């Protein structure tokens, strides 16, 4: 994911997507509240301990989602499938 979606951001696209998946699986907050979701859970609850909740804001998520759209969802799916990641 990080190679395909390189955005030049401080947090990798894969980490942002992992945070988004974690949010969805635990109740699904709107995109503008994902940062709040991780802030209320405390330090160390984002996907990686060295990432602050503020780094998982709606702007960062939006940039990654834009890159997914630009790259092509089916292309990403096939790349992940070929890599053998379930």
C-alpha atoms as a PDB file:
ATOM      1  CA  UNK A   1       0.000   0.000   0.000  1.00  0.00           C
ATOM      2  CA  UNK A   2       2.732   2.431   0.912  1.00  0.00           C
ATOM      3  CA  UNK A   3       4.534   1.985  -2.418  1.00  0.00           C
ATOM      4  CA  UNK A   4       1.379   2.287  -4.505  1.00  0.00           C
ATOM      5  CA  UNK A   5      -0.038   5.272  -2.614  1.00  0.00           C
ATOM      6  CA  UNK A   6       3.053   7.287  -1.744  1.00  0.00           C
ATOM      7  CA  UNK A   7       1.697  10.671  -0.681  1.00  0.00           C
ATOM      8  CA  UNK A   8       4.775  12.285   0.876  1.00  0.00           C
ATOM      9  CA  UNK A   9       3.059  12.463   4.253  1.00  0.00           C
ATOM     10  CA  UNK A  10       4.557  11.987   7.738  1.00  0.00           C
ATOM     11  CA  UNK A  11       2.332   8.955   8.306  1.00  0.00           C
ATOM     12  CA  UNK A  12       2.347   6.191   5.722  1.00  0.00           C
ATOM     13  CA  UNK A  13      -0.841   5.547   3.733  1.00  0.00           C
ATOM     14  CA  UNK A  14      -0.921   1.971   5.018  1.00  0.00           C
ATOM     15  CA  UNK A  15      -0.919   3.172   8.617  1.00  0.00           C
ATOM     16  CA  UNK A  16      -3.711   5.643   7.922  1.00  0.00           C
ATOM     17  CA  UNK A  17      -5.765   2.910   6.250  1.00  0.00           C
ATOM     18  CA  UNK A  18      -5.134   0.593   9.185  1.00  0.00           C
ATOM     19  CA  UNK A  19      -6.388   3.305  11.546  1.00  0.00           C
ATOM     20  CA  UNK A  20      -9.467   3.765   9.386  1.00  0.00           C
ATOM     21  CA  UNK A  21     -10.167   0.016   9.427  1.00  0.00           C
ATOM     22  CA  UNK A  22      -9.702  -0.078  13.214  1.00  0.00           C
ATOM     23  CA  UNK A  23     -12.197   2.761  13.528  1.00  0.00           C
ATOM     24  CA  UNK A  24     -14.732   1.066  11.259  1.00  0.00           C
ATOM     25  CA  UNK A  25     -14.476  -2.260  13.097  1.00  0.00           C
ATOM     26  CA  UNK A  26     -15.066  -0.640  16.477  1.00  0.00           C
ATOM     27  CA  UNK A  27     -18.151   1.382  15.705  1.00  0.00           C
ATOM     28  CA  UNK A  28     -17.549   3.555  12.648  1.00  0.00           C
ATOM     29  CA  UNK A  29     -17.057   7.228  13.419  1.00  0.00           C
ATOM     30  CA  UNK A  30     -17.468   9.757  10.592  1.00  0.00           C
ATOM     31  CA  UNK A  31     -14.174  10.636   8.887  1.00  0.00           C
ATOM     32  CA  UNK A  32     -13.996  14.000  10.613  1.00  0.00           C
ATOM     33  CA  UNK A  33     -14.122  12.241  14.016  1.00  0.00           C
ATOM     34  CA  UNK A  34     -11.496   9.527  13.508  1.00  0.00           C
ATOM     35  CA  UNK A  35      -8.865  11.722  15.162  1.00  0.00           C
ATOM     36  CA  UNK A  36     -11.176  12.183  18.165  1.00  0.00           C
ATOM     37  CA  UNK A  37     -11.803   8.420  18.257  1.00  0.00           C
ATOM     38  CA  UNK A  38      -8.074   7.738  18.704  1.00  0.00           C
ATOM     39  CA  UNK A  39      -7.540  10.695  21.067  1.00  0.00           C
ATOM     40  CA  UNK A  40     -10.199   9.431  23.498  1.00  0.00           C
ATOM     41  CA  UNK A  41      -8.654   5.968  23.472  1.00  0.00           C
ATOM     42  CA  UNK A  42      -5.333   7.336  24.750  1.00  0.00           C
ATOM     43  CA  UNK A  43      -1.737   7.251  23.600  1.00  0.00           C
ATOM     44  CA  UNK A  44      -0.710   3.960  22.038  1.00  0.00           C
ATOM     45  CA  UNK A  45      -4.136   3.170  20.652  1.00  0.00           C
ATOM     46  CA  UNK A  46      -3.464   4.393  17.098  1.00  0.00           C
ATOM     47  CA  UNK A  47      -2.141   1.715  14.750  1.00  0.00           C
ATOM     48  CA  UNK A  48       1.459   2.456  15.798  1.00  0.00           C
ATOM     49  CA  UNK A  49       2.549   3.707  19.209  1.00  0.00           C
ATOM     50  CA  UNK A  50       4.793   6.413  17.753  1.00  0.00           C
ATOM     51  CA  UNK A  51       1.856   8.100  15.999  1.00  0.00           C
ATOM     52  CA  UNK A  52      -0.214  10.760  17.722  1.00  0.00           C
ATOM     53  CA  UNK A  53      -3.970  10.818  17.185  1.00  0.00           C
ATOM     54  CA  UNK A  54      -3.637  14.232  15.536  1.00  0.00           C
ATOM     55  CA  UNK A  55      -1.801  12.590  12.636  1.00  0.00           C
ATOM     56  CA  UNK A  56      -4.912  10.562  11.786  1.00  0.00           C
ATOM     57  CA  UNK A  57      -7.006  13.600  10.942  1.00  0.00           C
ATOM     58  CA  UNK A  58      -9.627  13.917   8.223  1.00  0.00           C
ATOM     59  CA  UNK A  59      -7.236  15.754   5.886  1.00  0.00           C
ATOM     60  CA  UNK A  60      -4.706  12.903   5.998  1.00  0.00           C
ATOM     61  CA  UNK A  61      -7.442  10.318   5.500  1.00  0.00           C
ATOM     62  CA  UNK A  62      -8.862  12.345   2.621  1.00  0.00           C
ATOM     63  CA  UNK A  63      -5.463  12.533   0.905  1.00  0.00           C
ATOM     64  CA  UNK A  64      -5.048   8.770   1.133  1.00  0.00           C
ATOM     65  CA  UNK A  65      -8.578   8.133  -0.144  1.00  0.00           C
ATOM     66  CA  UNK A  66      -7.902  10.510  -3.048  1.00  0.00           C
ATOM     67  CA  UNK A  67      -4.717   8.586  -3.876  1.00  0.00           C
ATOM     68  CA  UNK A  68      -6.655   5.307  -3.787  1.00  0.00           C
ATOM     69  CA  UNK A  69      -9.138   6.742  -6.260  1.00  0.00           C
ATOM     70  CA  UNK A  70      -6.378   8.096  -8.508  1.00  0.00           C
ATOM     71  CA  UNK A  71      -4.437   4.829  -8.445  1.00  0.00           C
ATOM     72  CA  UNK A  72      -7.555   2.745  -9.028  1.00  0.00           C
ATOM     73  CA  UNK A  73      -9.269   0.518  -6.509  1.00  0.00           C
ATOM     74  CA  UNK A  74      -9.152  -2.595  -8.684  1.00  0.00           C
ATOM     75  CA  UNK A  75      -5.481  -2.043  -9.436  1.00  0.00           C
ATOM     76  CA  UNK A  76      -4.706  -1.818  -5.715  1.00  0.00           C
ATOM     77  CA  UNK A  77      -6.814  -4.903  -5.012  1.00  0.00           C
ATOM     78  CA  UNK A  78      -4.975  -6.914  -7.673  1.00  0.00           C
ATOM     79  CA  UNK A  79      -1.580  -5.721  -6.419  1.00  0.00           C
ATOM     80  CA  UNK A  80      -2.444  -6.774  -2.878  1.00  0.00           C
ATOM     81  CA  UNK A  81      -3.829 -10.088  -4.147  1.00  0.00           C
ATOM     82  CA  UNK A  82      -0.672 -10.810  -6.171  1.00  0.00           C
ATOM     83  CA  UNK A  83       1.481  -9.985  -3.157  1.00  0.00           C
ATOM     84  CA  UNK A  84      -0.239 -12.791  -1.277  1.00  0.00           C
ATOM     85  CA  UNK A  85      -1.670 -10.625   1.480  1.00  0.00           C
ATOM     86  CA  UNK A  86      -5.035 -12.052   2.555  1.00  0.00           C
END
